[in-house]
């Protein structure tokens, strides 16, 4: 519970959790070989829309990891963009993985997450990160948070909050072209 309170406090204090945020943050340096390797999905006990996935099996694909939670209005505002990118680029090598990390106890219930997945028509794989293991592995502190992973498994771009959709999509396109 303390993690949720700290994360919520950080979210409320951060401009990244407000609508219209433009804090897209490419991870320097531009040399992707020096970008950090993405951590594996950890502590995931259930997947929705997919069998369990690992980043090592997704190597060769561009991966968009999206941290979200079902009751976050900012996450809901980002969903149409994530759905569109999944639909538009999945056949070109993009794999979207939603990592649902709950803020409140009722968000830990798989049935509640599944209801949200159905309500918004989310078709991409979603990992239930109820124990914050993947959240912690990424050092994440915000909802929503996007991490783009290149075909070599390196985090080369991240964005917190809403906004910068055109810039994020341009990053997806560049990574797919380099594949």
N, C-alpha and C. Protein backbone atom coordinates (compact mmCIF):
# COMPACT_ATOMS: atom_id res chain seq x y z
N UNK A 1 0.82 -1.19 0.00
CA UNK A 1 0.00 0.00 0.00
C UNK A 1 0.87 1.25 0.00
N UNK A 2 1.99 1.20 0.69
CA UNK A 2 2.88 2.36 0.74
C UNK A 2 3.37 2.71 -0.66
N UNK A 3 3.69 1.69 -1.49
CA UNK A 3 4.13 1.95 -2.85
C UNK A 3 3.08 2.72 -3.63
N UNK A 4 1.80 2.32 -3.47
CA UNK A 4 0.74 3.00 -4.18
C UNK A 4 0.62 4.44 -3.73
N UNK A 5 0.75 4.70 -2.42
CA UNK A 5 0.65 6.06 -1.90
C UNK A 5 1.79 6.91 -2.42
N UNK A 6 3.00 6.34 -2.41
CA UNK A 6 4.17 7.07 -2.90
C UNK A 6 4.01 7.34 -4.39
N UNK A 7 3.58 6.33 -5.15
CA UNK A 7 3.41 6.51 -6.59
C UNK A 7 2.33 7.54 -6.87
N UNK A 8 1.22 7.49 -6.13
CA UNK A 8 0.16 8.46 -6.33
C UNK A 8 0.64 9.86 -5.99
N UNK A 9 1.38 9.98 -4.89
CA UNK A 9 1.91 11.29 -4.51
C UNK A 9 2.83 11.83 -5.59
N UNK A 10 3.69 10.96 -6.12
CA UNK A 10 4.60 11.39 -7.17
C UNK A 10 3.81 11.78 -8.41
N UNK A 11 2.75 11.02 -8.70
CA UNK A 11 1.92 11.32 -9.86
C UNK A 11 1.25 12.67 -9.69
N UNK A 12 0.70 12.92 -8.53
CA UNK A 12 0.00 14.18 -8.29
C UNK A 12 0.95 15.36 -8.32
N UNK A 13 2.19 15.16 -7.91
CA UNK A 13 3.16 16.24 -7.90
C UNK A 13 3.83 16.45 -9.25
N UNK A 14 3.69 15.48 -10.10
CA UNK A 14 4.41 15.52 -11.37
C UNK A 14 3.56 16.13 -12.47
N UNK A 15 4.18 16.92 -13.29
CA UNK A 15 3.49 17.45 -14.46
C UNK A 15 3.19 16.34 -15.45
N UNK A 16 3.88 15.20 -15.30
CA UNK A 16 3.69 14.10 -16.24
C UNK A 16 2.31 13.49 -16.13
N UNK A 17 1.63 13.70 -15.05
CA UNK A 17 0.31 13.09 -14.88
C UNK A 17 -0.81 14.05 -15.24
N UNK A 18 -0.50 15.14 -15.87
CA UNK A 18 -1.53 16.08 -16.26
C UNK A 18 -1.75 15.99 -17.76
N UNK A 19 -2.96 16.30 -18.17
CA UNK A 19 -3.28 16.26 -19.59
C UNK A 19 -2.39 17.24 -20.34
N UNK A 20 -2.03 16.86 -21.56
CA UNK A 20 -1.24 17.76 -22.38
C UNK A 20 0.24 17.74 -22.08
N UNK A 21 0.69 16.80 -21.28
CA UNK A 21 2.11 16.73 -20.96
C UNK A 21 2.90 16.48 -22.23
N UNK A 22 4.01 17.15 -22.36
CA UNK A 22 4.86 16.96 -23.53
C UNK A 22 6.26 16.54 -23.11
N UNK A 23 6.35 15.75 -22.05
CA UNK A 23 7.67 15.39 -21.54
C UNK A 23 8.19 14.09 -22.13
N UNK A 24 7.95 13.89 -23.42
CA UNK A 24 8.52 12.72 -24.05
C UNK A 24 10.02 12.79 -23.83
N UNK A 25 10.60 11.68 -23.49
CA UNK A 25 11.99 11.71 -23.08
C UNK A 25 12.79 10.62 -23.76
N UNK A 26 13.43 10.94 -24.90
CA UNK A 26 14.33 9.95 -25.47
C UNK A 26 15.45 9.68 -24.47
N UNK A 27 15.90 8.47 -24.43
CA UNK A 27 16.94 8.12 -23.49
C UNK A 27 18.29 8.29 -24.19
N UNK A 28 19.11 9.22 -23.70
CA UNK A 28 20.42 9.38 -24.33
C UNK A 28 21.30 8.20 -23.97
N UNK A 29 22.33 7.92 -24.67
CA UNK A 29 22.74 8.58 -25.90
C UNK A 29 21.99 8.03 -27.10
N UNK A 30 22.18 8.67 -28.25
CA UNK A 30 21.48 8.25 -29.46
C UNK A 30 21.97 6.87 -29.91
N UNK A 31 23.17 6.49 -29.53
CA UNK A 31 23.69 5.17 -29.85
C UNK A 31 22.89 4.12 -29.09
N UNK A 32 22.02 3.42 -29.79
CA UNK A 32 21.12 2.47 -29.14
C UNK A 32 21.88 1.35 -28.43
N UNK A 33 23.07 1.04 -28.88
CA UNK A 33 23.83 -0.03 -28.23
C UNK A 33 24.14 0.34 -26.78
N UNK A 34 24.16 1.64 -26.46
CA UNK A 34 24.45 2.06 -25.10
C UNK A 34 23.18 2.22 -24.27
N UNK A 35 22.01 2.12 -24.89
CA UNK A 35 20.75 2.22 -24.15
C UNK A 35 20.60 0.99 -23.25
N UNK A 36 19.90 1.16 -22.12
CA UNK A 36 19.78 0.03 -21.18
C UNK A 36 18.92 -1.11 -21.72
N UNK A 37 19.32 -2.32 -21.41
CA UNK A 37 18.49 -3.47 -21.75
C UNK A 37 17.20 -3.41 -20.94
N UNK A 38 16.11 -3.74 -21.57
CA UNK A 38 14.82 -3.75 -20.88
C UNK A 38 14.76 -4.95 -19.95
N UNK A 39 14.27 -4.75 -18.73
CA UNK A 39 14.12 -5.89 -17.84
C UNK A 39 12.98 -6.80 -18.30
N UNK A 40 13.08 -8.06 -17.96
CA UNK A 40 12.02 -9.03 -18.25
C UNK A 40 10.78 -8.69 -17.43
N UNK A 41 9.65 -9.20 -17.89
CA UNK A 41 8.42 -9.09 -17.10
C UNK A 41 8.60 -9.97 -15.87
N UNK A 42 8.35 -9.42 -14.69
CA UNK A 42 8.59 -10.16 -13.44
C UNK A 42 7.33 -10.20 -12.60
N UNK A 43 7.14 -11.31 -11.91
CA UNK A 43 6.04 -11.43 -10.96
C UNK A 43 4.66 -11.43 -11.59
N UNK A 44 4.57 -11.71 -12.87
CA UNK A 44 3.28 -11.71 -13.55
C UNK A 44 2.64 -13.08 -13.34
N UNK A 45 1.49 -13.08 -12.68
CA UNK A 45 0.81 -14.34 -12.38
C UNK A 45 -0.32 -14.64 -13.36
N UNK A 46 -0.74 -13.60 -14.11
CA UNK A 46 -1.82 -13.81 -15.07
C UNK A 46 -1.66 -12.86 -16.25
N UNK A 47 -2.02 -13.37 -17.42
CA UNK A 47 -2.02 -12.58 -18.65
C UNK A 47 -3.43 -12.57 -19.22
N UNK A 48 -3.79 -11.46 -19.83
CA UNK A 48 -5.05 -11.33 -20.55
C UNK A 48 -4.71 -11.16 -22.02
N UNK A 49 -5.46 -11.82 -22.88
CA UNK A 49 -5.30 -11.76 -24.34
C UNK A 49 -4.02 -12.43 -24.84
N UNK A 50 -3.36 -13.21 -24.01
CA UNK A 50 -2.09 -13.80 -24.44
C UNK A 50 -1.66 -14.90 -23.48
N UNK A 51 -0.88 -15.79 -24.01
CA UNK A 51 -0.10 -16.69 -23.16
C UNK A 51 1.01 -15.84 -22.55
N UNK A 52 1.67 -16.31 -21.50
CA UNK A 52 2.78 -15.53 -20.92
C UNK A 52 3.84 -15.19 -21.98
N UNK A 53 4.32 -13.97 -21.91
CA UNK A 53 5.35 -13.49 -22.83
C UNK A 53 6.62 -13.16 -22.06
N UNK A 54 7.73 -13.24 -22.78
CA UNK A 54 9.00 -12.76 -22.24
C UNK A 54 9.61 -11.83 -23.27
N UNK A 55 10.41 -10.90 -22.81
CA UNK A 55 11.06 -10.00 -23.75
C UNK A 55 12.09 -10.75 -24.59
N UNK A 56 12.68 -11.79 -24.03
CA UNK A 56 13.65 -12.54 -24.83
C UNK A 56 12.96 -13.21 -26.02
N UNK A 57 11.73 -13.68 -25.85
CA UNK A 57 11.03 -14.28 -27.00
C UNK A 57 10.52 -13.21 -27.97
N UNK A 58 10.43 -11.97 -27.53
CA UNK A 58 10.00 -10.87 -28.40
C UNK A 58 11.18 -10.17 -29.08
N UNK A 59 12.40 -10.63 -28.78
CA UNK A 59 13.58 -10.04 -29.41
C UNK A 59 13.42 -10.10 -30.92
N UNK A 60 13.76 -9.03 -31.59
CA UNK A 60 13.56 -8.92 -33.03
C UNK A 60 12.34 -8.09 -33.36
N UNK A 61 11.44 -7.95 -32.39
CA UNK A 61 10.27 -7.07 -32.53
C UNK A 61 10.54 -5.75 -31.82
N UNK A 62 9.80 -4.75 -32.21
CA UNK A 62 9.77 -3.50 -31.46
C UNK A 62 8.65 -3.68 -30.44
N UNK A 63 8.92 -3.37 -29.20
CA UNK A 63 7.94 -3.59 -28.13
C UNK A 63 7.60 -2.26 -27.47
N UNK A 64 6.31 -2.03 -27.32
CA UNK A 64 5.82 -0.88 -26.56
C UNK A 64 5.24 -1.43 -25.27
N UNK A 65 5.89 -1.13 -24.15
CA UNK A 65 5.39 -1.52 -22.83
C UNK A 65 4.66 -0.32 -22.26
N UNK A 66 3.40 -0.53 -21.91
CA UNK A 66 2.55 0.53 -21.38
C UNK A 66 2.13 0.18 -19.96
N UNK A 67 2.58 0.96 -18.99
CA UNK A 67 2.11 0.79 -17.61
C UNK A 67 0.83 1.60 -17.45
N UNK A 68 -0.20 0.94 -16.94
CA UNK A 68 -1.49 1.59 -16.77
C UNK A 68 -2.24 0.97 -15.61
N UNK A 69 -3.31 1.62 -15.21
CA UNK A 69 -4.22 1.08 -14.21
C UNK A 69 -5.64 1.48 -14.59
N UNK A 70 -6.60 0.66 -14.26
CA UNK A 70 -7.96 0.77 -14.82
C UNK A 70 -8.72 2.01 -14.42
N UNK A 71 -8.45 2.59 -13.26
CA UNK A 71 -9.21 3.75 -12.81
C UNK A 71 -8.52 5.08 -13.04
N UNK A 72 -7.42 5.07 -13.75
CA UNK A 72 -6.65 6.29 -14.03
C UNK A 72 -7.21 6.96 -15.28
N UNK A 73 -7.74 8.17 -15.13
CA UNK A 73 -8.33 8.87 -16.27
C UNK A 73 -7.28 9.17 -17.34
N UNK A 74 -6.05 9.45 -16.93
CA UNK A 74 -4.98 9.69 -17.91
C UNK A 74 -4.71 8.44 -18.73
N UNK A 75 -4.76 7.28 -18.07
CA UNK A 75 -4.57 6.01 -18.78
C UNK A 75 -5.69 5.79 -19.79
N UNK A 76 -6.90 6.11 -19.40
CA UNK A 76 -8.05 5.95 -20.29
C UNK A 76 -7.91 6.87 -21.50
N UNK A 77 -7.39 8.07 -21.30
CA UNK A 77 -7.20 9.00 -22.41
C UNK A 77 -6.13 8.50 -23.40
N UNK A 78 -5.16 7.75 -22.91
CA UNK A 78 -4.08 7.24 -23.77
C UNK A 78 -4.52 6.00 -24.55
N UNK A 79 -5.51 5.26 -24.03
CA UNK A 79 -5.91 3.98 -24.63
C UNK A 79 -6.20 4.03 -26.13
N UNK A 80 -6.93 5.03 -26.62
CA UNK A 80 -7.20 5.02 -28.08
C UNK A 80 -5.93 5.07 -28.93
N UNK A 81 -4.93 5.76 -28.44
CA UNK A 81 -3.66 5.86 -29.19
C UNK A 81 -2.93 4.52 -29.17
N UNK A 82 -2.90 3.88 -28.01
CA UNK A 82 -2.25 2.57 -27.89
C UNK A 82 -2.96 1.55 -28.80
N UNK A 83 -4.30 1.56 -28.75
CA UNK A 83 -5.08 0.65 -29.61
C UNK A 83 -4.79 0.90 -31.08
N UNK A 84 -4.71 2.16 -31.47
CA UNK A 84 -4.44 2.49 -32.87
C UNK A 84 -3.06 2.01 -33.29
N UNK A 85 -2.04 2.25 -32.45
CA UNK A 85 -0.69 1.80 -32.78
C UNK A 85 -0.64 0.28 -32.87
N UNK A 86 -1.32 -0.39 -31.96
CA UNK A 86 -1.36 -1.86 -32.01
C UNK A 86 -1.96 -2.32 -33.34
N UNK A 87 -3.08 -1.74 -33.70
CA UNK A 87 -3.76 -2.11 -34.93
C UNK A 87 -2.93 -1.77 -36.17
N UNK A 88 -2.36 -0.58 -36.19
CA UNK A 88 -1.64 -0.09 -37.37
C UNK A 88 -0.30 -0.79 -37.58
N UNK A 89 0.42 -1.12 -36.50
CA UNK A 89 1.81 -1.57 -36.64
C UNK A 89 2.09 -3.01 -36.23
N UNK A 90 1.10 -3.73 -35.73
CA UNK A 90 1.39 -5.11 -35.28
C UNK A 90 1.89 -6.00 -36.42
N UNK A 91 1.38 -5.79 -37.63
CA UNK A 91 1.83 -6.61 -38.75
C UNK A 91 3.18 -6.17 -39.30
N UNK A 92 3.68 -5.03 -38.80
CA UNK A 92 4.99 -4.53 -39.22
C UNK A 92 6.07 -4.83 -38.19
N UNK A 93 5.69 -5.50 -37.07
CA UNK A 93 6.69 -5.88 -36.09
C UNK A 93 6.57 -5.23 -34.73
N UNK A 94 5.50 -4.46 -34.48
CA UNK A 94 5.29 -3.86 -33.15
C UNK A 94 4.48 -4.81 -32.28
N UNK A 95 4.94 -5.04 -31.08
CA UNK A 95 4.18 -5.77 -30.08
C UNK A 95 3.90 -4.82 -28.93
N UNK A 96 2.63 -4.60 -28.66
CA UNK A 96 2.22 -3.79 -27.52
C UNK A 96 1.96 -4.73 -26.36
N UNK A 97 2.51 -4.40 -25.19
CA UNK A 97 2.25 -5.15 -23.97
C UNK A 97 1.79 -4.16 -22.91
N UNK A 98 0.56 -4.30 -22.49
CA UNK A 98 0.05 -3.49 -21.39
C UNK A 98 0.45 -4.15 -20.08
N UNK A 99 0.99 -3.39 -19.17
CA UNK A 99 1.31 -3.90 -17.84
C UNK A 99 0.38 -3.19 -16.87
N UNK A 100 -0.64 -3.91 -16.44
CA UNK A 100 -1.62 -3.32 -15.51
C UNK A 100 -1.07 -3.44 -14.10
N UNK A 101 -0.75 -2.29 -13.52
CA UNK A 101 -0.21 -2.22 -12.16
C UNK A 101 -1.22 -1.43 -11.33
N UNK A 102 -1.90 -2.09 -10.39
CA UNK A 102 -3.03 -1.46 -9.69
C UNK A 102 -2.61 -0.38 -8.71
N UNK A 103 -3.45 0.64 -8.66
CA UNK A 103 -3.27 1.68 -7.66
C UNK A 103 -4.08 1.34 -6.40
N UNK A 104 -5.26 0.77 -6.59
CA UNK A 104 -6.16 0.45 -5.49
C UNK A 104 -6.39 -1.06 -5.41
N UNK A 105 -6.78 -1.53 -4.25
CA UNK A 105 -6.97 -2.97 -4.05
C UNK A 105 -7.97 -3.59 -5.02
N UNK A 106 -9.08 -2.91 -5.30
CA UNK A 106 -10.08 -3.49 -6.21
C UNK A 106 -9.55 -3.64 -7.63
N UNK A 107 -8.48 -2.92 -7.96
CA UNK A 107 -7.88 -3.05 -9.29
C UNK A 107 -7.01 -4.30 -9.41
N UNK A 108 -6.76 -4.97 -8.29
CA UNK A 108 -5.99 -6.21 -8.31
C UNK A 108 -6.82 -7.40 -8.78
N UNK A 109 -8.13 -7.26 -8.76
CA UNK A 109 -9.00 -8.36 -9.12
C UNK A 109 -8.99 -8.57 -10.64
N UNK A 110 -8.56 -9.75 -11.09
CA UNK A 110 -8.51 -10.00 -12.53
C UNK A 110 -9.85 -9.75 -13.24
N UNK A 111 -10.94 -10.07 -12.59
CA UNK A 111 -12.26 -9.84 -13.22
C UNK A 111 -12.50 -8.36 -13.50
N UNK A 112 -12.05 -7.50 -12.61
CA UNK A 112 -12.21 -6.06 -12.83
C UNK A 112 -11.36 -5.58 -14.00
N UNK A 113 -10.14 -6.09 -14.09
CA UNK A 113 -9.27 -5.71 -15.21
C UNK A 113 -9.86 -6.25 -16.52
N UNK A 114 -10.32 -7.49 -16.50
CA UNK A 114 -10.92 -8.08 -17.70
C UNK A 114 -12.14 -7.28 -18.15
N UNK A 115 -12.93 -6.79 -17.21
CA UNK A 115 -14.08 -5.96 -17.54
C UNK A 115 -13.63 -4.69 -18.27
N UNK A 116 -12.56 -4.07 -17.79
CA UNK A 116 -12.04 -2.86 -18.43
C UNK A 116 -11.49 -3.18 -19.82
N UNK A 117 -10.81 -4.31 -19.95
CA UNK A 117 -10.28 -4.73 -21.25
C UNK A 117 -11.42 -4.89 -22.25
N UNK A 118 -12.51 -5.53 -21.83
CA UNK A 118 -13.68 -5.69 -22.72
C UNK A 118 -14.33 -4.33 -23.02
N UNK A 119 -14.50 -3.52 -21.99
CA UNK A 119 -15.16 -2.21 -22.14
C UNK A 119 -14.48 -1.34 -23.18
N UNK A 120 -13.14 -1.35 -23.18
CA UNK A 120 -12.40 -0.49 -24.10
C UNK A 120 -11.89 -1.23 -25.34
N UNK A 121 -12.20 -2.52 -25.45
CA UNK A 121 -11.82 -3.28 -26.63
C UNK A 121 -10.32 -3.44 -26.80
N UNK A 122 -9.61 -3.65 -25.70
CA UNK A 122 -8.16 -3.82 -25.76
C UNK A 122 -7.85 -5.24 -26.22
N UNK A 123 -7.11 -5.38 -27.30
CA UNK A 123 -6.82 -6.69 -27.88
C UNK A 123 -5.39 -7.14 -27.69
N UNK A 124 -4.52 -6.26 -27.26
CA UNK A 124 -3.11 -6.60 -27.10
C UNK A 124 -2.88 -7.31 -25.76
N UNK A 125 -1.74 -7.99 -25.60
CA UNK A 125 -1.45 -8.70 -24.35
C UNK A 125 -1.38 -7.75 -23.16
N UNK A 126 -1.93 -8.21 -22.04
CA UNK A 126 -1.90 -7.42 -20.82
C UNK A 126 -1.44 -8.31 -19.68
N UNK A 127 -0.38 -7.87 -19.02
CA UNK A 127 0.19 -8.57 -17.87
C UNK A 127 -0.36 -7.95 -16.60
N UNK A 128 -0.78 -8.78 -15.66
CA UNK A 128 -1.28 -8.28 -14.37
C UNK A 128 -0.12 -8.26 -13.39
N UNK A 129 0.32 -7.06 -13.07
CA UNK A 129 1.50 -6.82 -12.23
C UNK A 129 1.06 -6.39 -10.82
N UNK A 130 0.27 -7.24 -10.17
CA UNK A 130 -0.31 -6.89 -8.87
C UNK A 130 0.71 -6.67 -7.76
N UNK A 131 1.86 -7.27 -7.87
CA UNK A 131 2.88 -7.15 -6.82
C UNK A 131 3.98 -6.14 -7.17
N UNK A 132 3.78 -5.38 -8.24
CA UNK A 132 4.71 -4.31 -8.64
C UNK A 132 6.11 -4.82 -9.00
N UNK A 133 6.24 -6.07 -9.37
CA UNK A 133 7.57 -6.60 -9.69
C UNK A 133 8.11 -6.04 -11.00
N UNK A 134 7.26 -5.99 -12.02
CA UNK A 134 7.71 -5.42 -13.30
C UNK A 134 7.84 -3.91 -13.17
N UNK A 135 6.89 -3.27 -12.51
CA UNK A 135 6.94 -1.83 -12.23
C UNK A 135 8.28 -1.47 -11.60
N UNK A 136 8.67 -2.22 -10.57
CA UNK A 136 9.94 -1.96 -9.88
C UNK A 136 11.15 -2.25 -10.77
N UNK A 137 11.06 -3.31 -11.58
CA UNK A 137 12.18 -3.66 -12.46
C UNK A 137 12.47 -2.52 -13.44
N UNK A 138 11.43 -1.82 -13.87
CA UNK A 138 11.60 -0.69 -14.78
C UNK A 138 11.91 0.61 -14.04
N UNK A 139 11.80 0.60 -12.72
CA UNK A 139 11.99 1.82 -11.96
C UNK A 139 10.88 2.81 -12.26
N UNK A 140 9.73 2.31 -12.64
CA UNK A 140 8.61 3.16 -13.04
C UNK A 140 7.95 3.79 -11.82
N UNK A 141 7.37 4.97 -12.01
CA UNK A 141 6.69 5.66 -10.92
C UNK A 141 5.42 6.37 -11.37
N UNK A 142 5.02 6.17 -12.64
CA UNK A 142 3.90 6.94 -13.16
C UNK A 142 2.92 6.08 -13.94
N UNK A 143 1.66 6.51 -13.94
CA UNK A 143 0.62 5.98 -14.82
C UNK A 143 0.12 7.14 -15.67
N UNK A 144 -0.05 7.01 -16.91
CA UNK A 144 0.52 5.96 -17.75
C UNK A 144 1.99 6.24 -18.03
N UNK A 145 2.69 5.21 -18.38
CA UNK A 145 4.10 5.31 -18.75
C UNK A 145 4.34 4.41 -19.95
N UNK A 146 5.01 4.92 -20.95
CA UNK A 146 5.30 4.17 -22.17
C UNK A 146 6.81 3.98 -22.30
N UNK A 147 7.21 2.76 -22.59
CA UNK A 147 8.61 2.43 -22.83
C UNK A 147 8.70 1.74 -24.19
N UNK A 148 9.51 2.29 -25.09
CA UNK A 148 9.74 1.66 -26.38
C UNK A 148 11.05 0.89 -26.34
N UNK A 149 10.98 -0.34 -26.77
CA UNK A 149 12.12 -1.25 -26.74
C UNK A 149 12.45 -1.63 -28.17
N UNK A 150 13.70 -1.45 -28.54
CA UNK A 150 14.09 -1.75 -29.92
C UNK A 150 14.23 -3.26 -30.13
N UNK A 151 14.50 -3.64 -31.37
CA UNK A 151 14.58 -5.06 -31.74
C UNK A 151 15.70 -5.80 -31.01
N UNK A 152 16.66 -5.06 -30.46
CA UNK A 152 17.75 -5.67 -29.70
C UNK A 152 17.44 -5.77 -28.22
N UNK A 153 16.26 -5.30 -27.82
CA UNK A 153 15.85 -5.43 -26.42
C UNK A 153 16.26 -4.26 -25.53
N UNK A 154 16.55 -3.12 -26.13
CA UNK A 154 17.00 -1.95 -25.36
C UNK A 154 15.90 -0.89 -25.28
N UNK A 155 15.77 -0.29 -24.11
CA UNK A 155 14.82 0.81 -23.93
C UNK A 155 15.44 2.05 -24.59
N UNK A 156 14.78 2.53 -25.63
CA UNK A 156 15.34 3.66 -26.37
C UNK A 156 14.46 4.90 -26.31
N UNK A 157 13.30 4.79 -25.68
CA UNK A 157 12.39 5.94 -25.57
C UNK A 157 11.42 5.67 -24.44
N UNK A 158 11.06 6.75 -23.74
CA UNK A 158 10.02 6.62 -22.71
C UNK A 158 9.23 7.92 -22.66
N UNK A 159 7.99 7.78 -22.23
CA UNK A 159 7.12 8.95 -22.08
C UNK A 159 6.18 8.71 -20.91
N UNK A 160 6.00 9.73 -20.09
CA UNK A 160 5.11 9.64 -18.93
C UNK A 160 3.92 10.56 -19.15
N UNK A 161 2.74 10.07 -18.82
CA UNK A 161 1.54 10.88 -18.91
C UNK A 161 0.94 10.88 -20.30
N UNK A 162 0.03 11.83 -20.49
CA UNK A 162 -0.64 11.98 -21.78
C UNK A 162 0.21 12.84 -22.71
N UNK A 163 -0.18 12.83 -23.98
CA UNK A 163 0.42 13.75 -24.94
C UNK A 163 1.60 13.17 -25.69
N UNK A 164 2.17 13.98 -26.56
CA UNK A 164 3.31 13.63 -27.42
C UNK A 164 3.02 12.40 -28.27
N UNK A 165 1.77 12.27 -28.71
CA UNK A 165 1.39 11.09 -29.48
C UNK A 165 2.09 11.04 -30.83
N UNK A 166 2.21 12.17 -31.51
CA UNK A 166 2.89 12.19 -32.81
C UNK A 166 4.37 11.84 -32.65
N UNK A 167 5.00 12.36 -31.61
CA UNK A 167 6.41 12.06 -31.37
C UNK A 167 6.60 10.57 -31.03
N UNK A 168 5.72 10.04 -30.22
CA UNK A 168 5.82 8.61 -29.87
C UNK A 168 5.61 7.75 -31.11
N UNK A 169 4.63 8.10 -31.92
CA UNK A 169 4.39 7.32 -33.14
C UNK A 169 5.58 7.42 -34.09
N UNK A 170 6.18 8.59 -34.18
CA UNK A 170 7.37 8.74 -35.02
C UNK A 170 8.50 7.84 -34.53
N UNK A 171 8.65 7.72 -33.22
CA UNK A 171 9.67 6.83 -32.65
C UNK A 171 9.36 5.37 -33.02
N UNK A 172 8.09 4.98 -32.93
CA UNK A 172 7.69 3.63 -33.32
C UNK A 172 8.06 3.39 -34.78
N UNK A 173 7.72 4.32 -35.65
CA UNK A 173 8.02 4.18 -37.08
C UNK A 173 9.52 4.06 -37.35
N UNK A 174 10.32 4.89 -36.65
CA UNK A 174 11.77 4.82 -36.84
C UNK A 174 12.31 3.46 -36.41
N UNK A 175 11.85 2.96 -35.28
CA UNK A 175 12.33 1.67 -34.80
C UNK A 175 11.93 0.53 -35.73
N UNK A 176 10.70 0.60 -36.25
CA UNK A 176 10.26 -0.43 -37.18
C UNK A 176 11.07 -0.38 -38.47
N UNK A 177 11.42 0.82 -38.92
CA UNK A 177 12.22 0.95 -40.15
C UNK A 177 13.63 0.39 -39.97
N UNK A 178 14.17 0.48 -38.74
CA UNK A 178 15.52 -0.01 -38.46
C UNK A 178 15.58 -1.53 -38.26
N UNK A 179 14.43 -2.13 -38.02
CA UNK A 179 14.41 -3.56 -37.73
C UNK A 179 15.06 -4.40 -38.78
